[in-house]
N, C-alpha and C. Protein backbone atom coordinates (compact mmCIF):
# COMPACT_ATOMS: atom_id res chain seq x y z
N MET A 1 0.84 -1.07 -0.02
CA MET A 1 0.11 0.07 -0.19
C MET A 1 1.18 1.05 0.41
N ASN A 2 0.74 2.41 -0.83
CA ASN A 2 1.44 3.40 -1.20
C ASN A 2 1.43 4.55 -0.09
N ASN A 3 1.85 5.21 0.08
CA ASN A 3 1.16 6.64 1.12
C ASN A 3 -0.24 6.97 0.98
N ALA A 4 -0.28 7.32 -0.55
CA ALA A 4 -1.67 7.69 -1.19
C ALA A 4 -2.74 7.18 -0.45
N GLN A 5 -2.71 6.02 -0.42
CA GLN A 5 -3.89 5.10 0.04
C GLN A 5 -4.09 4.82 1.31
N LYS A 6 -3.17 5.33 2.19
CA LYS A 6 -3.37 5.02 3.72
C LYS A 6 -3.62 6.51 4.06
N ASN A 7 -4.21 6.43 5.05
CA ASN A 7 -4.52 7.39 5.89
C ASN A 7 -4.05 7.60 6.60
N THR A 8 -3.14 8.78 6.23
CA THR A 8 -2.07 9.10 7.50
C THR A 8 -2.44 10.67 8.33
N ILE A 9 -2.15 11.13 9.01
CA ILE A 9 -2.55 11.85 9.69
C ILE A 9 -2.65 13.68 8.96
N VAL A 10 -1.89 13.53 7.76
CA VAL A 10 -1.70 14.82 6.72
C VAL A 10 -3.10 14.66 6.08
N ASP A 11 -3.40 13.49 5.42
CA ASP A 11 -4.39 13.36 4.79
C ASP A 11 -5.49 13.71 6.08
N THR A 12 -5.68 13.03 6.88
CA THR A 12 -6.55 13.69 7.61
C THR A 12 -6.47 15.10 8.16
N VAL A 13 -5.46 15.72 8.33
CA VAL A 13 -5.70 16.70 8.90
C VAL A 13 -6.09 17.72 7.64
N ASN A 14 -5.66 17.34 6.75
CA ASN A 14 -6.08 18.40 5.42
C ASN A 14 -7.16 18.17 5.13
N LEU A 15 -8.21 16.85 5.32
CA LEU A 15 -9.35 16.64 4.99
C LEU A 15 -9.95 17.48 5.53
N ILE A 16 -10.23 17.47 7.04
CA ILE A 16 -10.90 18.12 7.85
C ILE A 16 -10.88 19.35 7.60
N SER A 17 -9.44 20.05 7.48
CA SER A 17 -9.32 21.51 7.47
C SER A 17 -10.02 21.83 6.06
N ILE A 18 -9.97 21.37 4.62
CA ILE A 18 -10.79 21.77 3.82
C ILE A 18 -12.09 21.35 4.38
N SER A 19 -12.87 20.56 4.92
CA SER A 19 -14.79 20.44 5.00
C SER A 19 -14.60 21.75 6.54
N SER A 20 -13.62 22.04 7.36
CA SER A 20 -13.64 23.03 8.35
C SER A 20 -14.06 24.58 8.34
N MET A 21 -13.43 24.73 7.42
CA MET A 21 -13.17 26.47 6.62
C MET A 21 -14.78 27.23 6.67
N VAL A 22 -15.89 26.77 6.21
CA VAL A 22 -17.00 27.10 6.12
C VAL A 22 -17.52 27.44 7.73
N SER A 23 -17.42 26.31 8.37
CA SER A 23 -18.08 26.52 9.54
C SER A 23 -16.80 27.46 10.41
N PHE A 24 -15.72 27.47 10.59
CA PHE A 24 -14.70 28.71 10.92
C PHE A 24 -15.27 29.88 10.48
N LEU A 25 -15.69 30.11 8.87
CA LEU A 25 -16.00 31.29 8.77
C LEU A 25 -17.22 31.77 9.20
N ASP A 26 -17.94 30.85 9.46
CA ASP A 26 -19.61 31.41 10.15
C ASP A 26 -19.06 31.57 11.95
N LYS A 27 -18.23 31.35 12.68
CA LYS A 27 -18.31 31.38 13.93
C LYS A 27 -17.80 32.66 14.11
N TYR A 28 -15.97 32.62 13.24
CA TYR A 28 -15.30 33.50 13.57
C TYR A 28 -15.37 34.61 11.92
N PRO A 29 -16.44 35.62 11.87
CA PRO A 29 -16.27 36.53 11.30
C PRO A 29 -15.06 37.22 10.49
N ILE A 30 -14.04 37.59 11.77
CA ILE A 30 -12.72 38.30 11.64
C ILE A 30 -12.02 37.26 10.76
N LEU A 31 -12.46 36.14 10.55
CA LEU A 31 -11.60 35.50 9.83
C LEU A 31 -11.98 35.63 8.21
N LYS A 32 -12.89 35.73 8.00
CA LYS A 32 -13.41 36.70 6.30
C LYS A 32 -12.37 37.85 5.99
N GLU A 33 -12.19 38.80 7.28
CA GLU A 33 -11.37 39.49 6.36
C GLU A 33 -9.85 39.67 6.49
N ILE A 34 -9.54 38.26 7.08
CA ILE A 34 -7.77 37.85 7.18
C ILE A 34 -7.73 37.38 5.90
N LEU A 35 -8.81 36.46 5.19
CA LEU A 35 -8.69 35.97 4.07
C LEU A 35 -8.90 36.15 3.00
N LYS A 36 -9.69 37.50 3.11
CA LYS A 36 -10.01 38.80 2.17
C LYS A 36 -8.79 39.02 1.16
N GLU A 37 -7.83 39.00 1.93
CA GLU A 37 -6.49 39.47 0.88
C GLU A 37 -5.63 38.48 0.02
N SER A 38 -6.53 36.94 0.52
CA SER A 38 -5.69 36.13 -0.28
C SER A 38 -6.34 36.30 -1.24
N LYS A 39 -5.48 35.37 -2.85
CA LYS A 39 -6.47 35.05 -3.99
C LYS A 39 -6.99 33.54 -4.08
N ASN A 40 -6.54 33.14 -3.10
CA ASN A 40 -6.97 31.36 -3.02
C ASN A 40 -7.01 31.44 -1.41
N PRO A 41 -8.36 31.78 -0.73
CA PRO A 41 -8.44 31.60 0.54
C PRO A 41 -8.75 30.18 0.94
N SER A 42 -9.18 29.43 0.63
CA SER A 42 -9.63 27.78 0.67
C SER A 42 -8.18 27.39 0.47
N ASN A 43 -7.69 27.57 -0.69
CA ASN A 43 -6.50 26.77 -0.57
C ASN A 43 -4.91 27.40 -0.11
N ASP A 44 -5.62 28.81 1.04
CA ASP A 44 -4.35 29.45 2.07
C ASP A 44 -4.60 28.09 3.28
N TRP A 45 -6.15 28.41 3.24
CA TRP A 45 -6.66 27.42 4.93
C TRP A 45 -5.73 26.60 5.26
N ASP A 46 -6.18 25.52 3.75
CA ASP A 46 -5.96 24.11 3.73
C ASP A 46 -4.18 24.09 3.66
N PHE A 47 -3.68 24.66 2.84
CA PHE A 47 -2.41 24.82 2.96
C PHE A 47 -1.74 25.12 4.36
N TYR A 48 -2.09 26.07 4.95
CA TYR A 48 -1.25 26.47 6.49
C TYR A 48 -2.01 25.80 7.59
N MET A 49 -3.21 25.18 7.19
CA MET A 49 -3.52 23.98 8.64
C MET A 49 -3.00 22.73 8.30
N THR A 50 -2.89 22.32 7.35
CA THR A 50 -2.07 21.10 6.99
C THR A 50 -0.63 20.92 7.26
N ALA A 51 -0.17 22.17 7.22
CA ALA A 51 1.54 22.17 7.41
C ALA A 51 1.54 22.27 8.82
N ALA A 52 0.92 23.33 9.46
CA ALA A 52 0.44 23.04 10.64
C ALA A 52 0.30 22.05 11.48
N GLY A 53 -0.87 21.36 11.43
CA GLY A 53 -0.60 19.83 11.84
C GLY A 53 -0.07 18.59 11.79
N SER A 54 0.96 19.19 10.10
CA SER A 54 1.98 17.77 10.41
C SER A 54 3.10 18.66 11.05
N GLY A 55 3.25 19.66 11.43
CA GLY A 55 4.63 20.16 11.77
C GLY A 55 4.32 19.89 13.47
N ILE A 56 3.29 19.89 13.58
CA ILE A 56 2.69 19.22 15.54
C ILE A 56 3.30 17.72 16.02
N VAL A 57 2.70 17.15 14.50
CA VAL A 57 3.35 15.71 14.99
C VAL A 57 4.50 15.76 14.51
N LEU A 58 5.41 16.26 13.99
CA LEU A 58 7.03 16.03 13.63
C LEU A 58 7.81 17.10 15.03
N ILE A 59 6.84 17.84 15.57
CA ILE A 59 7.70 18.28 16.83
C ILE A 59 7.59 17.07 17.59
N SER A 60 5.93 16.28 18.27
CA SER A 60 6.02 15.08 19.32
C SER A 60 6.82 13.71 18.31
N SER A 61 6.91 13.07 19.92
CA SER A 61 7.23 11.35 19.59
C SER A 61 6.45 11.20 18.83
N GLU A 62 7.49 9.83 17.88
CA GLU A 62 6.75 8.98 16.81
C GLU A 62 5.93 8.16 17.80
N THR A 63 4.96 7.71 17.35
CA THR A 63 4.06 6.92 17.64
C THR A 63 4.01 5.45 17.24
N TYR A 64 5.10 5.59 16.20
CA TYR A 64 5.44 4.36 15.85
C TYR A 64 6.45 4.81 14.82
N LYS A 65 7.94 3.67 14.73
CA LYS A 65 8.75 3.86 13.77
C LYS A 65 9.04 3.79 12.42
N GLY A 66 9.33 5.48 12.45
CA GLY A 66 9.30 5.65 10.49
C GLY A 66 7.82 6.43 10.34
N GLU A 67 7.59 7.13 11.50
CA GLU A 67 5.88 7.91 11.10
C GLU A 67 6.53 9.81 10.90
N HIS A 68 7.88 10.11 11.24
CA HIS A 68 7.53 11.32 10.80
C HIS A 68 8.27 11.27 9.82
N ASP A 69 8.73 10.13 8.79
CA ASP A 69 9.41 10.23 7.71
C ASP A 69 8.21 10.11 6.47
N GLU A 70 6.95 9.01 6.98
CA GLU A 70 5.62 9.47 6.38
C GLU A 70 5.17 10.29 6.38
N ILE A 71 4.99 11.65 7.37
CA ILE A 71 4.82 12.32 7.23
C ILE A 71 5.27 13.44 6.48
N LYS A 72 7.00 13.80 6.52
CA LYS A 72 7.03 14.37 5.09
C LYS A 72 6.84 13.68 3.85
N ASN A 73 7.09 12.76 3.76
CA ASN A 73 7.18 12.12 2.19
C ASN A 73 5.13 12.65 1.99
N ARG A 74 4.56 11.94 2.76
CA ARG A 74 2.88 12.56 2.14
C ARG A 74 2.60 13.94 2.12
N ALA A 75 3.31 14.59 2.73
CA ALA A 75 2.80 16.21 2.91
C ALA A 75 3.34 16.43 1.55
N SER A 76 4.43 16.08 1.11
CA SER A 76 5.62 16.72 0.04
C SER A 76 4.65 15.96 -1.26
N GLU A 77 3.29 14.82 -1.37
CA GLU A 77 2.91 14.69 -2.40
C GLU A 77 1.09 15.14 -2.09
N ILE A 78 1.71 15.82 -1.21
CA ILE A 78 0.11 16.76 -1.39
C ILE A 78 0.45 17.66 -2.13
N ASP A 79 1.42 18.56 -1.22
CA ASP A 79 2.08 20.19 -2.11
C ASP A 79 3.24 19.77 -1.89
N LYS A 80 4.24 19.93 -2.79
CA LYS A 80 5.40 20.37 -3.01
C LYS A 80 5.80 21.22 -1.73
N ASP A 81 5.38 22.26 -1.62
CA ASP A 81 5.66 23.64 -0.30
C ASP A 81 5.48 23.13 0.59
N ILE A 82 4.59 21.95 1.02
CA ILE A 82 4.10 22.24 2.20
C ILE A 82 5.40 21.38 3.03
N PRO A 83 6.34 20.75 2.58
CA PRO A 83 7.32 20.51 3.76
C PRO A 83 8.04 21.73 4.23
N ARG A 84 8.77 23.54 3.19
CA ARG A 84 9.25 24.13 3.56
C ARG A 84 8.03 24.94 5.06
N ALA A 85 6.41 24.81 4.37
CA ALA A 85 6.00 25.33 5.14
C ALA A 85 6.32 24.72 6.78
N ILE A 86 5.98 23.39 6.40
CA ILE A 86 6.38 22.51 7.82
C ILE A 86 7.53 23.17 8.62
N ASP A 87 8.88 22.96 7.58
CA ASP A 87 10.20 23.29 8.86
C ASP A 87 10.02 24.83 9.05
N ASP A 88 9.33 25.90 8.85
CA ASP A 88 8.89 27.17 9.10
C ASP A 88 7.85 27.20 10.47
N PHE A 89 6.90 26.29 10.67
CA PHE A 89 6.07 26.01 11.52
C PHE A 89 7.03 25.74 12.68
N ILE A 90 8.07 24.53 12.29
CA ILE A 90 8.83 24.06 13.56
C ILE A 90 9.76 25.08 14.34
N SER A 91 10.60 25.50 13.10
CA SER A 91 10.88 27.12 13.20
C SER A 91 10.72 28.20 14.12
N PHE A 92 9.70 28.35 14.15
CA PHE A 92 8.60 29.49 15.00
C PHE A 92 8.48 28.55 15.68
N MET A 93 7.98 27.52 15.97
CA MET A 93 7.04 26.92 17.46
C MET A 93 8.84 26.30 18.27
N ASN A 94 9.77 26.73 17.75
CA ASN A 94 11.12 26.26 18.87
C ASN A 94 11.94 27.76 19.14
N LYS A 95 11.11 28.74 18.73
CA LYS A 95 11.71 30.11 18.56
C LYS A 95 11.34 30.18 20.11
N GLY A 96 10.53 30.28 20.63
CA GLY A 96 10.31 31.21 22.26
C GLY A 96 10.06 29.64 23.12
N ASN A 97 10.34 30.26 24.27
CA ASN A 97 9.81 29.29 25.61
C ASN A 97 8.38 29.51 26.02
N VAL A 98 7.99 28.65 25.00
CA VAL A 98 6.26 28.81 25.66
C VAL A 98 5.71 27.97 26.81
N SER A 99 4.82 28.55 27.51
CA SER A 99 4.23 27.67 28.02
C SER A 99 2.80 26.83 27.85
N ASP A 100 3.43 25.74 28.25
CA ASP A 100 2.52 24.49 27.89
C ASP A 100 0.90 25.03 27.05
N ASP A 101 0.11 26.32 28.17
CA ASP A 101 -1.13 26.60 27.87
C ASP A 101 -1.24 27.30 26.83
N LEU A 102 0.25 28.57 26.42
CA LEU A 102 0.34 29.06 25.22
C LEU A 102 0.32 28.44 23.93
N ILE A 103 0.71 26.97 24.06
CA ILE A 103 0.73 26.46 22.70
C ILE A 103 -0.07 26.38 21.58
N PRO A 104 -1.53 26.10 21.83
CA PRO A 104 -2.40 26.31 21.23
C PRO A 104 -2.91 27.36 20.45
N ALA A 105 -2.19 28.46 21.56
CA ALA A 105 -2.50 29.78 20.90
C ALA A 105 -1.16 30.39 19.94
N ASN A 106 0.02 29.83 20.15
CA ASN A 106 1.04 29.85 19.69
C ASN A 106 1.30 29.20 17.95
N ILE A 107 0.70 28.29 18.02
CA ILE A 107 0.10 27.23 17.05
C ILE A 107 -0.84 27.83 15.40
N GLY A 108 -1.47 28.96 16.20
CA GLY A 108 -2.90 29.17 15.98
C GLY A 108 -2.24 30.51 14.74
N LEU A 109 -1.25 31.41 16.14
CA LEU A 109 -0.51 32.32 16.02
C LEU A 109 -0.03 32.32 14.30
N TRP A 110 0.67 31.19 14.13
CA TRP A 110 1.83 30.83 13.42
C TRP A 110 0.46 30.79 11.53
N VAL A 111 -0.37 30.22 11.52
CA VAL A 111 -1.19 30.02 10.72
C VAL A 111 -1.91 31.10 10.39
N LEU A 112 -2.38 32.28 11.14
CA LEU A 112 -2.78 33.49 11.32
C LEU A 112 -1.86 34.03 10.64
N TRP A 113 -0.53 34.00 11.08
CA TRP A 113 0.05 34.93 10.38
C TRP A 113 0.64 34.68 9.24
N ASN A 114 0.82 33.43 8.62
CA ASN A 114 0.60 33.06 7.82
C ASN A 114 -0.73 33.29 6.34
N LEU A 115 -1.87 33.31 6.99
CA LEU A 115 -2.78 33.38 6.08
C LEU A 115 -2.57 35.26 6.12
N LYS A 116 -2.67 35.97 6.74
CA LYS A 116 -2.32 37.31 6.72
C LYS A 116 -1.16 37.63 6.27
N GLN A 117 -0.49 37.27 6.15
CA GLN A 117 1.25 37.31 5.11
C GLN A 117 1.05 38.67 5.79
N ALA A 118 1.09 39.11 7.28
CA ALA A 118 1.61 40.36 8.19
C ALA A 118 1.08 39.52 9.83
N GLU A 119 1.62 40.13 10.46
CA GLU A 119 1.30 40.21 11.83
C GLU A 119 0.01 40.20 12.41
N PRO A 120 -0.48 39.73 12.45
CA PRO A 120 -2.47 39.66 12.75
C PRO A 120 -2.81 40.74 14.41
N SER A 121 -3.51 41.26 14.04
CA SER A 121 -3.87 42.22 15.24
C SER A 121 -4.14 41.49 16.53
N ASN A 122 -4.03 41.96 17.49
CA ASN A 122 -4.47 41.94 18.54
C ASN A 122 -5.72 40.85 19.08
N GLU A 123 -6.68 41.59 18.50
CA GLU A 123 -8.14 41.09 18.26
C GLU A 123 -8.29 39.89 17.80
N GLU A 124 -7.25 39.72 16.39
CA GLU A 124 -7.18 38.73 15.44
C GLU A 124 -6.68 36.98 16.36
N VAL A 125 -5.84 37.53 17.38
CA VAL A 125 -4.95 36.60 17.75
C VAL A 125 -5.88 36.13 19.27
N LYS A 126 -6.36 37.16 19.74
CA LYS A 126 -6.94 36.45 21.28
C LYS A 126 -8.56 35.86 20.43
N GLU A 127 -8.83 36.30 19.56
CA GLU A 127 -10.39 35.87 19.36
C GLU A 127 -10.07 34.35 18.29
N LEU A 128 -9.26 34.01 17.72
CA LEU A 128 -8.78 33.11 16.66
C LEU A 128 -7.89 32.26 17.08
N ALA A 129 -6.16 32.45 17.60
CA ALA A 129 -5.39 31.69 17.68
C ALA A 129 -5.28 30.50 18.44
N PRO A 130 -5.86 30.67 19.97
CA PRO A 130 -5.91 29.80 20.55
C PRO A 130 -7.32 28.89 19.99
N VAL A 131 -8.56 28.84 19.01
CA VAL A 131 -9.14 28.13 18.78
C VAL A 131 -8.57 27.31 17.61
N ILE A 132 -8.00 28.19 16.61
CA ILE A 132 -7.13 26.68 15.47
C ILE A 132 -6.15 26.11 16.43
N GLY A 133 -5.43 26.67 16.87
CA GLY A 133 -4.69 25.92 17.88
C GLY A 133 -5.13 24.40 18.37
N ASN A 134 -6.38 25.12 19.21
CA ASN A 134 -6.82 23.27 19.82
C ASN A 134 -7.59 22.72 18.83
N PHE A 135 -8.09 23.48 18.11
CA PHE A 135 -8.64 22.66 17.07
C PHE A 135 -7.61 21.54 16.26
N LEU A 136 -6.21 22.25 15.80
CA LEU A 136 -5.25 20.63 15.41
C LEU A 136 -5.06 20.16 15.94
N LEU A 137 -4.91 20.71 17.67
CA LEU A 137 -4.17 19.37 18.50
C LEU A 137 -5.94 18.86 18.88
N GLN A 138 -6.54 18.92 18.60
CA GLN A 138 -7.53 18.13 18.92
C GLN A 138 -7.77 16.79 18.00
N ILE A 139 -7.67 17.21 16.47
CA ILE A 139 -7.59 16.34 15.08
C ILE A 139 -6.26 15.07 15.75
N ILE A 140 -5.47 16.40 16.04
CA ILE A 140 -4.32 14.84 15.96
C ILE A 140 -4.87 13.76 17.50
N PHE A 141 -5.13 14.09 18.42
CA PHE A 141 -5.56 13.77 19.57
C PHE A 141 -6.31 12.34 18.90
N ASP A 142 -7.47 12.95 18.35
CA ASP A 142 -8.32 12.28 17.94
C ASP A 142 -7.80 11.44 16.76
N TRP A 143 -7.26 11.46 15.57
CA TRP A 143 -6.44 10.53 15.16
C TRP A 143 -5.24 9.42 15.72
N ARG A 144 -4.53 9.72 16.86
CA ARG A 144 -3.98 9.03 17.20
C ARG A 144 -4.61 8.41 18.32
N LYS A 145 -6.03 8.64 18.91
CA LYS A 145 -6.14 7.40 19.59
C LYS A 145 -7.23 6.44 18.61
N SER A 146 -7.32 6.87 18.00
CA SER A 146 -8.07 5.60 16.88
C SER A 146 -7.26 4.79 16.21
N LYS A 147 -5.65 5.17 16.70
CA LYS A 147 -5.38 4.17 15.63
C LYS A 147 -4.25 3.34 16.84
N ASN A 148 -4.86 3.60 18.54
CA ASN A 148 -4.75 3.02 18.85
C ASN A 148 -5.67 1.50 19.27
């Protein structure tokens, strides 16, 4: 079975990100303003959410031997530019010494900053960053739980 036929965490994050955008826009109108600047809002949303979700797994311990290599390979199959975004995400997450309770907000901050291509406002960070981070963390938690 090749990677494209497997249900990897990369595929799961990508699929859920695609299907979540409308509900995020409905719940958080401020996201519409952020995405307004994008030429391809849904593609950008999927891309950065997938990169961040994949990056979260890569900065954690492997749940099975070869998991990290599988993630990197599958991410590059989905979009050749995702590995570069994942590396940027990992660098961003490793820059500061962030307490555990701020990790979700830091994840969301990276997504917002990239969607906006500029520093998000305090309001955008406060309203959206923790929600996005917790959303991605929950996807990964649920996926790992389903694999046990």
